[in-house]
Amino acid sequence: MLRYTLLRLLGAIPTLLLVIVLAFLMVHAAPGGPFDSERALPPEVAEDIEKHYRLDEPLPQQLLRYMSGLLQGDLGPSYRYRDYTVSELIASGFPLSLQIGALAMGLALIVGVGAGTLAAQRKNTLVDRIVMGFAMTGISIPVFVVAPVLVLLVAVKLHWLPAGWSGSPGFAKYVLPVITLALPQIAYIARLTRASMIDVLSRDYIRTAYAQGLGTKAIIRVHALKPAMLPVLSYMGPAVAAVLTGSVVIEEVFGIPGLGQFFVRGALNRDYTLVLGIVIFYATLIVLLNLIVDILYGVIDPRVRQR
């Protein structure tokens, strides 16, 4: 398993390198610059600023210098947040994004696995159709549509929960963002669990367990749930990445001062280093999450370890 882990880590290096190069070129290809404003700067002032931040260098030279800093763990200074480095901004915004993402994934796992298992037990019944209908609805509607609708109904019309983050004490301000992020994942996990559980419940050893007199709940808990979770576990890596990157929209809608809000403002302000730093941070996180999922897959399924 150690050799497998090391090989996967080494294989991730070209992927991250490609992400860095593409992100760097795309950010610099965007029109405008980090120091453009409504009032044009005098040419000599603009030249001094670009010289100070070395933006007057050729693009390949800027890329090599940036990658040299990355090897030393330096993501560079932020052009807009003058008193902060990119690493400091990521360190301040990511814990909140992680909290919301972890709560959303926890809710998605509990509700999605439960709903999928219930639908599998009652295959082709009204319960199954209702669960799968809600699942298809959750997959079809994007989060940037769900978020304003929930705010309008739950916060503005019914006054049950706060509409925004600022000025909202306690746990109540987490509810709408977490539910909004969790809904698509609940739908996907429910569908995966249902399909996998139906397949597992049709196997010979499950029929043997029924023949021995075991109840349905005991069979699902002891014999069926673990193998049925393998497709869900495979989905967890991309799902966690989708939740973390999806929080960009959610944080902007609800005014959450997380990493997503920094990314949006950095993109609007052409803050090259901030956008690049967040993209590289997310890319590294996704690679590590997929590696963790692969290792857990081997822990659950011994056949993977043998191969």
C-alpha atoms as a PDB file:
ATOM      1  CA  MET A   1       0.000   0.000   0.000  1.00  0.00           C
ATOM      2  CA  LEU A   2       2.909   2.367   0.729  1.00  0.00           C
ATOM      3  CA  ARG A   3       4.375   1.785  -2.736  1.00  0.00           C
ATOM      4  CA  TYR A   4       0.971   2.387  -4.311  1.00  0.00           C
ATOM      5  CA  THR A   5       0.557   5.635  -2.356  1.00  0.00           C
ATOM      6  CA  LEU A   6       3.999   6.908  -3.371  1.00  0.00           C
ATOM      7  CA  LEU A   7       3.363   6.074  -7.021  1.00  0.00           C
ATOM      8  CA  ARG A   8       0.070   7.961  -6.944  1.00  0.00           C
ATOM      9  CA  LEU A   9       1.757  10.978  -5.363  1.00  0.00           C
ATOM     10  CA  LEU A  10       4.485  10.955  -8.007  1.00  0.00           C
ATOM     11  CA  GLY A  11       1.867  10.604 -10.731  1.00  0.00           C
ATOM     12  CA  ALA A  12       0.091  13.709  -9.414  1.00  0.00           C
ATOM     13  CA  ILE A  13       3.125  15.925 -10.028  1.00  0.00           C
ATOM     14  CA  PRO A  14       2.642  16.229 -13.837  1.00  0.00           C
ATOM     15  CA  THR A  15      -1.056  16.941 -13.282  1.00  0.00           C
ATOM     16  CA  LEU A  16      -0.326  19.761 -10.853  1.00  0.00           C
ATOM     17  CA  LEU A  17       2.396  21.118 -13.135  1.00  0.00           C
ATOM     18  CA  LEU A  18      -0.049  21.240 -16.052  1.00  0.00           C
ATOM     19  CA  VAL A  19      -2.672  22.958 -13.878  1.00  0.00           C
ATOM     20  CA  ILE A  20      -0.156  25.595 -12.792  1.00  0.00           C
ATOM     21  CA  VAL A  21       0.996  26.365 -16.334  1.00  0.00           C
ATOM     22  CA  LEU A  22      -2.519  26.505 -17.806  1.00  0.00           C
ATOM     23  CA  ALA A  23      -3.881  28.610 -14.936  1.00  0.00           C
ATOM     24  CA  PHE A  24      -0.936  31.018 -15.200  1.00  0.00           C
ATOM     25  CA  LEU A  25      -1.387  31.484 -18.953  1.00  0.00           C
ATOM     26  CA  MET A  26      -5.178  31.849 -18.768  1.00  0.00           C
ATOM     27  CA  VAL A  27      -5.034  34.412 -15.967  1.00  0.00           C
ATOM     28  CA  HIS A  28      -2.481  36.524 -17.807  1.00  0.00           C
ATOM     29  CA  ALA A  29      -4.425  36.219 -21.077  1.00  0.00           C
ATOM     30  CA  ALA A  30      -7.472  37.902 -19.518  1.00  0.00           C
ATOM     31  CA  PRO A  31      -7.946  41.544 -20.577  1.00  0.00           C
ATOM     32  CA  GLY A  32      -6.933  44.243 -18.127  1.00  0.00           C
ATOM     33  CA  GLY A  33      -4.450  44.141 -15.287  1.00  0.00           C
ATOM     34  CA  PRO A  34      -4.359  44.128 -11.488  1.00  0.00           C
ATOM     35  CA  PHE A  35      -3.697  47.854 -11.301  1.00  0.00           C
ATOM     36  CA  ASP A  36      -6.275  49.038 -13.828  1.00  0.00           C
ATOM     37  CA  SER A  37      -8.898  51.371 -12.377  1.00  0.00           C
ATOM     38  CA  GLU A  38     -11.541  53.807 -13.514  1.00  0.00           C
ATOM     39  CA  ARG A  39      -8.988  56.600 -13.337  1.00  0.00           C
ATOM     40  CA  ALA A  40      -5.992  56.004 -15.581  1.00  0.00           C
ATOM     41  CA  LEU A  41      -2.622  56.139 -13.823  1.00  0.00           C
ATOM     42  CA  PRO A  42       0.149  58.353 -15.178  1.00  0.00           C
ATOM     43  CA  PRO A  43       2.423  56.302 -17.461  1.00  0.00           C
ATOM     44  CA  GLU A  44       5.460  56.695 -15.201  1.00  0.00           C
ATOM     45  CA  VAL A  45       3.488  55.547 -12.122  1.00  0.00           C
ATOM     46  CA  ALA A  46       2.089  52.510 -13.960  1.00  0.00           C
ATOM     47  CA  GLU A  47       5.610  51.680 -15.184  1.00  0.00           C
ATOM     48  CA  ASP A  48       7.048  51.886 -11.666  1.00  0.00           C
ATOM     49  CA  ILE A  49       4.297  49.630 -10.267  1.00  0.00           C
ATOM     50  CA  GLU A  50       4.803  47.006 -12.972  1.00  0.00           C
ATOM     51  CA  LYS A  51       8.556  47.145 -12.430  1.00  0.00           C
ATOM     52  CA  HIS A  52       8.117  46.729  -8.657  1.00  0.00           C
ATOM     53  CA  TYR A  53       5.984  43.589  -9.116  1.00  0.00           C
ATOM     54  CA  ARG A  54       8.096  42.434 -12.112  1.00  0.00           C
ATOM     55  CA  LEU A  55       5.085  42.461 -14.414  1.00  0.00           C
ATOM     56  CA  ASP A  56       7.245  44.077 -17.118  1.00  0.00           C
ATOM     57  CA  GLU A  57       9.234  40.858 -17.551  1.00  0.00           C
ATOM     58  CA  PRO A  58       8.498  38.458 -20.447  1.00  0.00           C
ATOM     59  CA  LEU A  59       5.738  35.966 -19.651  1.00  0.00           C
ATOM     60  CA  PRO A  60       8.008  32.849 -19.681  1.00  0.00           C
ATOM     61  CA  GLN A  61      10.342  34.552 -17.225  1.00  0.00           C
ATOM     62  CA  GLN A  62       7.415  35.437 -14.941  1.00  0.00           C
ATOM     63  CA  LEU A  63       6.235  31.812 -15.071  1.00  0.00           C
ATOM     64  CA  LEU A  64       9.650  30.425 -14.144  1.00  0.00           C
ATOM     65  CA  ARG A  65       9.991  32.905 -11.291  1.00  0.00           C
ATOM     66  CA  TYR A  66       6.509  32.036 -10.020  1.00  0.00           C
ATOM     67  CA  MET A  67       7.221  28.303 -10.113  1.00  0.00           C
ATOM     68  CA  SER A  68      10.520  28.875  -8.328  1.00  0.00           C
ATOM     69  CA  GLY A  69       8.597  30.584  -5.545  1.00  0.00           C
ATOM     70  CA  LEU A  70       6.104  27.694  -5.413  1.00  0.00           C
ATOM     71  CA  LEU A  71       8.933  25.240  -4.765  1.00  0.00           C
ATOM     72  CA  GLN A  72       9.763  27.316  -1.683  1.00  0.00           C
ATOM     73  CA  GLY A  73       6.136  27.426  -0.561  1.00  0.00           C
ATOM     74  CA  ASP A  74       5.694  31.072  -1.586  1.00  0.00           C
ATOM     75  CA  LEU A  75       2.431  31.877  -3.395  1.00  0.00           C
ATOM     76  CA  GLY A  76       3.410  35.513  -3.718  1.00  0.00           C
ATOM     77  CA  PRO A  77       1.826  38.762  -2.509  1.00  0.00           C
ATOM     78  CA  SER A  78      -1.724  39.805  -3.252  1.00  0.00           C
ATOM     79  CA  TYR A  79      -1.959  42.783  -5.593  1.00  0.00           C
ATOM     80  CA  ARG A  80      -5.222  44.059  -4.117  1.00  0.00           C
ATOM     81  CA  TYR A  81      -4.910  43.083  -0.447  1.00  0.00           C
ATOM     82  CA  ARG A  82      -1.670  44.997  -0.077  1.00  0.00           C
ATOM     83  CA  ASP A  83      -0.853  43.987   3.513  1.00  0.00           C
ATOM     84  CA  TYR A  84      -1.390  40.254   2.969  1.00  0.00           C
ATOM     85  CA  THR A  85       0.275  37.428   1.128  1.00  0.00           C
ATOM     86  CA  VAL A  86      -1.784  34.880  -0.814  1.00  0.00           C
ATOM     87  CA  SER A  87      -0.905  32.194   1.736  1.00  0.00           C
ATOM     88  CA  GLU A  88      -2.297  34.365   4.559  1.00  0.00           C
ATOM     89  CA  LEU A  89      -5.542  34.985   2.670  1.00  0.00           C
ATOM     90  CA  ILE A  90      -5.993  31.269   1.970  1.00  0.00           C
ATOM     91  CA  ALA A  91      -5.262  30.443   5.617  1.00  0.00           C
ATOM     92  CA  SER A  92      -7.891  32.951   6.757  1.00  0.00           C
ATOM     93  CA  GLY A  93     -10.633  31.934   4.313  1.00  0.00           C
ATOM     94  CA  PHE A  94     -10.285  28.182   3.947  1.00  0.00           C
ATOM     95  CA  PRO A  95     -11.281  27.084   7.497  1.00  0.00           C
ATOM     96  CA  LEU A  96     -14.757  28.575   7.030  1.00  0.00           C
ATOM     97  CA  SER A  97     -15.139  27.029   3.561  1.00  0.00           C
ATOM     98  CA  LEU A  98     -13.999  23.709   5.029  1.00  0.00           C
ATOM     99  CA  GLN A  99     -16.569  23.903   7.835  1.00  0.00           C
ATOM    100  CA  ILE A 100     -19.442  24.498   5.435  1.00  0.00           C
ATOM    101  CA  GLY A 101     -18.189  21.853   3.003  1.00  0.00           C
ATOM    102  CA  ALA A 102     -17.729  19.232   5.733  1.00  0.00           C
ATOM    103  CA  LEU A 103     -21.213  19.866   7.126  1.00  0.00           C
ATOM    104  CA  ALA A 104     -22.701  19.658   3.627  1.00  0.00           C
ATOM    105  CA  MET A 105     -20.944  16.356   2.860  1.00  0.00           C
ATOM    106  CA  GLY A 106     -21.929  14.911   6.227  1.00  0.00           C
ATOM    107  CA  LEU A 107     -25.565  15.821   5.612  1.00  0.00           C
ATOM    108  CA  ALA A 108     -25.382  14.453   2.047  1.00  0.00           C
ATOM    109  CA  LEU A 109     -23.976  11.118   3.215  1.00  0.00           C
ATOM    110  CA  ILE A 110     -26.526  10.619   5.980  1.00  0.00           C
ATOM    111  CA  VAL A 111     -29.575  11.612   3.934  1.00  0.00           C
ATOM    112  CA  GLY A 112     -28.362  10.216   0.597  1.00  0.00           C
ATOM    113  CA  VAL A 113     -27.357   6.787   1.908  1.00  0.00           C
ATOM    114  CA  GLY A 114     -30.534   6.530   3.963  1.00  0.00           C
ATOM    115  CA  ALA A 115     -32.791   7.546   1.075  1.00  0.00           C
ATOM    116  CA  GLY A 116     -30.999   5.276  -1.400  1.00  0.00           C
ATOM    117  CA  THR A 117     -31.199   2.288   0.947  1.00  0.00           C
ATOM    118  CA  LEU A 118     -34.907   2.910   1.548  1.00  0.00           C
ATOM    119  CA  ALA A 119     -35.564   3.136  -2.187  1.00  0.00           C
ATOM    120  CA  ALA A 120     -33.637  -0.097  -2.814  1.00  0.00           C
ATOM    121  CA  GLN A 121     -35.653  -1.959  -0.176  1.00  0.00           C
ATOM    122  CA  ARG A 122     -38.895  -0.773  -1.795  1.00  0.00           C
ATOM    123  CA  LYS A 123     -37.854  -1.141  -5.423  1.00  0.00           C
ATOM    124  CA  ASN A 124     -40.484  -0.078  -7.998  1.00  0.00           C
ATOM    125  CA  THR A 125     -42.926   1.089  -5.316  1.00  0.00           C
ATOM    126  CA  LEU A 126     -44.322   4.574  -4.692  1.00  0.00           C
ATOM    127  CA  VAL A 127     -41.602   5.266  -2.109  1.00  0.00           C
ATOM    128  CA  ASP A 128     -38.914   4.381  -4.647  1.00  0.00           C
ATOM    129  CA  ARG A 129     -40.437   6.655  -7.285  1.00  0.00           C
ATOM    130  CA  ILE A 130     -40.763   9.571  -4.852  1.00  0.00           C
ATOM    131  CA  VAL A 131     -37.138   9.253  -3.684  1.00  0.00           C
ATOM    132  CA  MET A 132     -35.788   8.991  -7.222  1.00  0.00           C
ATOM    133  CA  GLY A 133     -38.019  11.866  -8.341  1.00  0.00           C
ATOM    134  CA  PHE A 134     -36.536  14.122  -5.678  1.00  0.00           C
ATOM    135  CA  ALA A 135     -33.071  12.873  -6.635  1.00  0.00           C
ATOM    136  CA  MET A 136     -33.565  13.791 -10.300  1.00  0.00           C
ATOM    137  CA  THR A 137     -34.833  17.216  -9.256  1.00  0.00           C
ATOM    138  CA  GLY A 138     -31.767  17.763  -7.079  1.00  0.00           C
ATOM    139  CA  ILE A 139     -29.445  16.805  -9.935  1.00  0.00           C
ATOM    140  CA  SER A 140     -31.240  18.981 -12.501  1.00  0.00           C
ATOM    141  CA  ILE A 141     -31.362  22.273 -10.576  1.00  0.00           C
ATOM    142  CA  PRO A 142     -27.981  24.014 -10.080  1.00  0.00           C
ATOM    143  CA  VAL A 143     -26.973  25.508  -6.746  1.00  0.00           C
ATOM    144  CA  PHE A 144     -27.011  29.089  -8.058  1.00  0.00           C
ATOM    145  CA  VAL A 145     -30.756  28.637  -8.647  1.00  0.00           C
ATOM    146  CA  VAL A 146     -31.458  26.760  -5.402  1.00  0.00           C
ATOM    147  CA  ALA A 147     -29.705  29.335  -3.203  1.00  0.00           C
ATOM    148  CA  PRO A 148     -31.834  32.403  -4.134  1.00  0.00           C
ATOM    149  CA  VAL A 149     -35.033  30.325  -4.056  1.00  0.00           C
ATOM    150  CA  LEU A 150     -34.280  29.079  -0.532  1.00  0.00           C
ATOM    151  CA  VAL A 151     -33.432  32.601   0.603  1.00  0.00           C
ATOM    152  CA  LEU A 152     -36.676  33.939  -0.865  1.00  0.00           C
ATOM    153  CA  LEU A 153     -38.893  31.233   0.637  1.00  0.00           C
ATOM    154  CA  VAL A 154     -37.282  30.392   3.979  1.00  0.00           C
ATOM    155  CA  ALA A 155     -35.665  33.701   4.908  1.00  0.00           C
ATOM    156  CA  VAL A 156     -37.682  36.461   3.220  1.00  0.00           C
ATOM    157  CA  LYS A 157     -41.194  34.967   3.155  1.00  0.00           C
ATOM    158  CA  LEU A 158     -41.250  32.710   6.220  1.00  0.00           C
ATOM    159  CA  HIS A 159     -38.546  34.439   8.359  1.00  0.00           C
ATOM    160  CA  TRP A 160     -37.366  31.075   9.693  1.00  0.00           C
ATOM    161  CA  LEU A 161     -33.648  31.526   9.019  1.00  0.00           C
ATOM    162  CA  PRO A 162     -31.289  34.458   8.291  1.00  0.00           C
ATOM    163  CA  ALA A 163     -30.797  35.365   4.644  1.00  0.00           C
ATOM    164  CA  GLY A 164     -27.137  36.343   4.991  1.00  0.00           C
ATOM    165  CA  TRP A 165     -24.057  35.604   7.016  1.00  0.00           C
ATOM    166  CA  SER A 166     -23.199  38.963   8.562  1.00  0.00           C
ATOM    167  CA  GLY A 167     -25.133  39.927  11.675  1.00  0.00           C
ATOM    168  CA  SER A 168     -26.532  36.393  12.127  1.00  0.00           C
ATOM    169  CA  PRO A 169     -25.388  34.834  15.412  1.00  0.00           C
ATOM    170  CA  GLY A 170     -25.346  31.139  16.221  1.00  0.00           C
ATOM    171  CA  PHE A 171     -25.655  28.071  14.040  1.00  0.00           C
ATOM    172  CA  ALA A 172     -28.722  29.314  12.143  1.00  0.00           C
ATOM    173  CA  LYS A 173     -26.588  31.101   9.551  1.00  0.00           C
ATOM    174  CA  TYR A 174     -25.031  27.773   8.527  1.00  0.00           C
ATOM    175  CA  VAL A 175     -28.319  26.053   7.707  1.00  0.00           C
ATOM    176  CA  LEU A 176     -29.202  27.532   4.301  1.00  0.00           C
ATOM    177  CA  PRO A 177     -25.659  27.412   2.838  1.00  0.00           C
ATOM    178  CA  VAL A 178     -25.144  23.835   4.037  1.00  0.00           C
ATOM    179  CA  ILE A 179     -28.509  22.633   2.700  1.00  0.00           C
ATOM    180  CA  THR A 180     -27.924  24.377  -0.643  1.00  0.00           C
ATOM    181  CA  LEU A 181     -24.521  22.739  -1.063  1.00  0.00           C
ATOM    182  CA  ALA A 182     -25.751  19.340   0.125  1.00  0.00           C
ATOM    183  CA  LEU A 183     -28.852  18.995  -2.087  1.00  0.00           C
ATOM    184  CA  PRO A 184     -27.103  17.970  -5.357  1.00  0.00           C
ATOM    185  CA  GLN A 185     -24.812  15.581  -3.474  1.00  0.00           C
ATOM    186  CA  ILE A 186     -27.788  14.015  -1.667  1.00  0.00           C
ATOM    187  CA  ALA A 187     -29.349  13.326  -5.067  1.00  0.00           C
ATOM    188  CA  TYR A 188     -26.224  11.714  -6.549  1.00  0.00           C
ATOM    189  CA  ILE A 189     -25.459   9.635  -3.458  1.00  0.00           C
ATOM    190  CA  ALA A 190     -29.074   8.441  -3.187  1.00  0.00           C
ATOM    191  CA  ARG A 191     -29.040   7.219  -6.803  1.00  0.00           C
ATOM    192  CA  LEU A 192     -25.656   5.518  -6.409  1.00  0.00           C
ATOM    193  CA  THR A 193     -26.678   3.866  -3.146  1.00  0.00           C
ATOM    194  CA  ARG A 194     -29.963   2.615  -4.567  1.00  0.00           C
ATOM    195  CA  ALA A 195     -28.344   1.039  -7.639  1.00  0.00           C
ATOM    196  CA  SER A 196     -25.517  -0.504  -5.631  1.00  0.00           C
ATOM    197  CA  MET A 197     -27.800  -1.765  -2.863  1.00  0.00           C
ATOM    198  CA  ILE A 198     -30.170  -3.422  -5.353  1.00  0.00           C
ATOM    199  CA  ASP A 199     -27.193  -5.234  -6.875  1.00  0.00           C
ATOM    200  CA  VAL A 200     -25.850  -6.367  -3.485  1.00  0.00           C
ATOM    201  CA  LEU A 201     -29.265  -7.528  -2.217  1.00  0.00           C
ATOM    202  CA  SER A 202     -29.589  -9.831  -5.233  1.00  0.00           C
ATOM    203  CA  ARG A 203     -26.415 -11.778  -4.463  1.00  0.00           C
ATOM    204  CA  ASP A 204     -26.301 -15.350  -3.213  1.00  0.00           C
ATOM    205  CA  TYR A 205     -24.864 -14.666   0.239  1.00  0.00           C
ATOM    206  CA  ILE A 206     -27.701 -12.217   0.952  1.00  0.00           C
ATOM    207  CA  ARG A 207     -30.263 -14.862   0.013  1.00  0.00           C
ATOM    208  CA  THR A 208     -28.429 -17.285   2.295  1.00  0.00           C
ATOM    209  CA  ALA A 209     -28.664 -14.782   5.143  1.00  0.00           C
ATOM    210  CA  TYR A 210     -32.414 -14.454   4.568  1.00  0.00           C
ATOM    211  CA  ALA A 211     -32.721 -18.250   4.545  1.00  0.00           C
ATOM    212  CA  GLN A 212     -30.974 -18.400   7.923  1.00  0.00           C
ATOM    213  CA  GLY A 213     -33.702 -16.213   9.393  1.00  0.00           C
ATOM    214  CA  LEU A 214     -31.876 -12.876   9.677  1.00  0.00           C
ATOM    215  CA  GLY A 215     -34.045  -9.766   9.516  1.00  0.00           C
ATOM    216  CA  THR A 216     -33.786  -7.168   6.743  1.00  0.00           C
ATOM    217  CA  LYS A 217     -32.281  -4.479   8.986  1.00  0.00           C
ATOM    218  CA  ALA A 218     -29.581  -6.837  10.273  1.00  0.00           C
ATOM    219  CA  ILE A 219     -28.740  -8.042   6.758  1.00  0.00           C
ATOM    220  CA  ILE A 220     -28.403  -4.504   5.419  1.00  0.00           C
ATOM    221  CA  ARG A 221     -26.377  -3.287   8.394  1.00  0.00           C
ATOM    222  CA  VAL A 222     -24.024  -6.269   8.655  1.00  0.00           C
ATOM    223  CA  HIS A 223     -23.795  -7.780   5.157  1.00  0.00           C
ATOM    224  CA  ALA A 224     -25.045  -5.361   2.492  1.00  0.00           C
ATOM    225  CA  LEU A 225     -24.110  -1.821   3.516  1.00  0.00           C
ATOM    226  CA  LYS A 226     -20.332  -2.176   3.360  1.00  0.00           C
ATOM    227  CA  PRO A 227     -20.064  -3.565  -0.206  1.00  0.00           C
ATOM    228  CA  ALA A 228     -22.857  -1.247  -1.354  1.00  0.00           C
ATOM    229  CA  MET A 229     -20.791   1.758  -0.248  1.00  0.00           C
ATOM    230  CA  LEU A 230     -17.927   1.099  -2.679  1.00  0.00           C
ATOM    231  CA  PRO A 231     -19.432   3.136  -5.577  1.00  0.00           C
ATOM    232  CA  VAL A 232     -20.335   5.895  -3.124  1.00  0.00           C
ATOM    233  CA  LEU A 233     -16.776   5.927  -1.807  1.00  0.00           C
ATOM    234  CA  SER A 234     -15.421   6.194  -5.355  1.00  0.00           C
ATOM    235  CA  TYR A 235     -17.689   9.196  -5.864  1.00  0.00           C
ATOM    236  CA  MET A 236     -16.555  10.899  -2.659  1.00  0.00           C
ATOM    237  CA  GLY A 237     -13.335  12.324  -4.103  1.00  0.00           C
ATOM    238  CA  PRO A 238     -14.999  14.266  -6.941  1.00  0.00           C
ATOM    239  CA  ALA A 239     -17.964  15.045  -4.661  1.00  0.00           C
ATOM    240  CA  VAL A 240     -15.827  16.729  -2.007  1.00  0.00           C
ATOM    241  CA  ALA A 241     -14.054  18.676  -4.742  1.00  0.00           C
ATOM    242  CA  ALA A 242     -17.429  19.732  -6.179  1.00  0.00           C
ATOM    243  CA  VAL A 243     -18.616  20.876  -2.756  1.00  0.00           C
ATOM    244  CA  LEU A 244     -15.473  22.912  -2.094  1.00  0.00           C
ATOM    245  CA  THR A 245     -15.464  24.551  -5.516  1.00  0.00           C
ATOM    246  CA  GLY A 246     -19.258  24.945  -5.463  1.00  0.00           C
ATOM    247  CA  SER A 247     -18.908  26.974  -2.295  1.00  0.00           C
ATOM    248  CA  VAL A 248     -17.577  29.799  -4.503  1.00  0.00           C
ATOM    249  CA  VAL A 249     -21.144  30.541  -5.627  1.00  0.00           C
ATOM    250  CA  ILE A 250     -22.693  29.871  -2.210  1.00  0.00           C
ATOM    251  CA  GLU A 251     -20.279  32.134  -0.367  1.00  0.00           C
ATOM    252  CA  GLU A 252     -20.997  34.968  -2.769  1.00  0.00           C
ATOM    253  CA  VAL A 253     -24.785  34.548  -2.476  1.00  0.00           C
ATOM    254  CA  PHE A 254     -24.826  34.368   1.322  1.00  0.00           C
ATOM    255  CA  GLY A 255     -21.965  36.806   1.916  1.00  0.00           C
ATOM    256  CA  ILE A 256     -19.715  34.231   3.617  1.00  0.00           C
ATOM    257  CA  PRO A 257     -16.110  35.480   4.060  1.00  0.00           C
ATOM    258  CA  GLY A 258     -14.565  32.217   2.887  1.00  0.00           C
ATOM    259  CA  LEU A 259     -12.111  31.219   0.204  1.00  0.00           C
ATOM    260  CA  GLY A 260     -14.750  31.374  -2.530  1.00  0.00           C
ATOM    261  CA  GLN A 261     -15.355  35.053  -1.941  1.00  0.00           C
ATOM    262  CA  PHE A 262     -11.613  35.753  -2.182  1.00  0.00           C
ATOM    263  CA  PHE A 263     -11.538  33.861  -5.492  1.00  0.00           C
ATOM    264  CA  VAL A 264     -14.432  35.835  -7.006  1.00  0.00           C
ATOM    265  CA  ARG A 265     -13.014  39.187  -5.927  1.00  0.00           C
ATOM    266  CA  GLY A 266      -9.545  38.190  -7.076  1.00  0.00           C
ATOM    267  CA  ALA A 267     -10.894  37.284 -10.523  1.00  0.00           C
ATOM    268  CA  LEU A 268     -12.855  40.536 -10.812  1.00  0.00           C
ATOM    269  CA  ASN A 269      -9.853  42.600  -9.709  1.00  0.00           C
ATOM    270  CA  ARG A 270      -7.342  40.695 -11.895  1.00  0.00           C
ATOM    271  CA  ASP A 271      -5.414  39.756  -8.769  1.00  0.00           C
ATOM    272  CA  TYR A 272      -3.224  37.249 -10.592  1.00  0.00           C
ATOM    273  CA  THR A 273      -1.407  35.768  -7.644  1.00  0.00           C
ATOM    274  CA  LEU A 274      -4.557  35.366  -5.515  1.00  0.00           C
ATOM    275  CA  VAL A 275      -6.473  33.572  -8.282  1.00  0.00           C
ATOM    276  CA  LEU A 276      -3.477  31.367  -9.105  1.00  0.00           C
ATOM    277  CA  GLY A 277      -2.866  30.551  -5.455  1.00  0.00           C
ATOM    278  CA  ILE A 278      -6.477  29.467  -4.867  1.00  0.00           C
ATOM    279  CA  VAL A 279      -6.557  27.397  -8.086  1.00  0.00           C
ATOM    280  CA  ILE A 280      -3.317  25.619  -7.146  1.00  0.00           C
ATOM    281  CA  PHE A 281      -4.536  25.089  -3.589  1.00  0.00           C
ATOM    282  CA  TYR A 282      -7.808  23.543  -4.801  1.00  0.00           C
ATOM    283  CA  ALA A 283      -6.005  21.387  -7.383  1.00  0.00           C
ATOM    284  CA  THR A 284      -3.629  20.028  -4.739  1.00  0.00           C
ATOM    285  CA  LEU A 285      -6.545  19.388  -2.412  1.00  0.00           C
ATOM    286  CA  ILE A 286      -8.473  17.473  -5.096  1.00  0.00           C
ATOM    287  CA  VAL A 287      -5.457  15.277  -5.861  1.00  0.00           C
ATOM    288  CA  LEU A 288      -4.980  14.474  -2.173  1.00  0.00           C
ATOM    289  CA  LEU A 289      -8.690  13.761  -1.668  1.00  0.00           C
ATOM    290  CA  ASN A 290      -8.728  11.338  -4.605  1.00  0.00           C
ATOM    291  CA  LEU A 291      -5.653   9.630  -3.170  1.00  0.00           C
ATOM    292  CA  ILE A 292      -7.345   9.259   0.215  1.00  0.00           C
ATOM    293  CA  VAL A 293     -10.444   7.794  -1.457  1.00  0.00           C
ATOM    294  CA  ASP A 294      -8.311   5.250  -3.353  1.00  0.00           C
ATOM    295  CA  ILE A 295      -6.598   4.197  -0.119  1.00  0.00           C
ATOM    296  CA  LEU A 296      -9.935   3.845   1.702  1.00  0.00           C
ATOM    297  CA  TYR A 297     -11.259   1.831  -1.233  1.00  0.00           C
ATOM    298  CA  GLY A 298      -8.419  -0.632  -0.680  1.00  0.00           C
ATOM    299  CA  VAL A 299      -9.193  -0.780   3.039  1.00  0.00           C
ATOM    300  CA  ILE A 300     -12.841  -1.658   2.409  1.00  0.00           C
ATOM    301  CA  ASP A 301     -12.288  -4.015  -0.536  1.00  0.00           C
ATOM    302  CA  PRO A 302      -9.407  -6.508   0.071  1.00  0.00           C
ATOM    303  CA  ARG A 303      -9.350  -7.395  -3.639  1.00  0.00           C
ATOM    304  CA  VAL A 304      -7.950  -3.932  -4.425  1.00  0.00           C
ATOM    305  CA  ARG A 305      -5.055  -4.480  -1.988  1.00  0.00           C
ATOM    306  CA  GLN A 306      -4.290  -7.857  -3.570  1.00  0.00           C
ATOM    307  CA  ARG A 307      -4.119  -6.343  -7.052  1.00  0.00           C
END
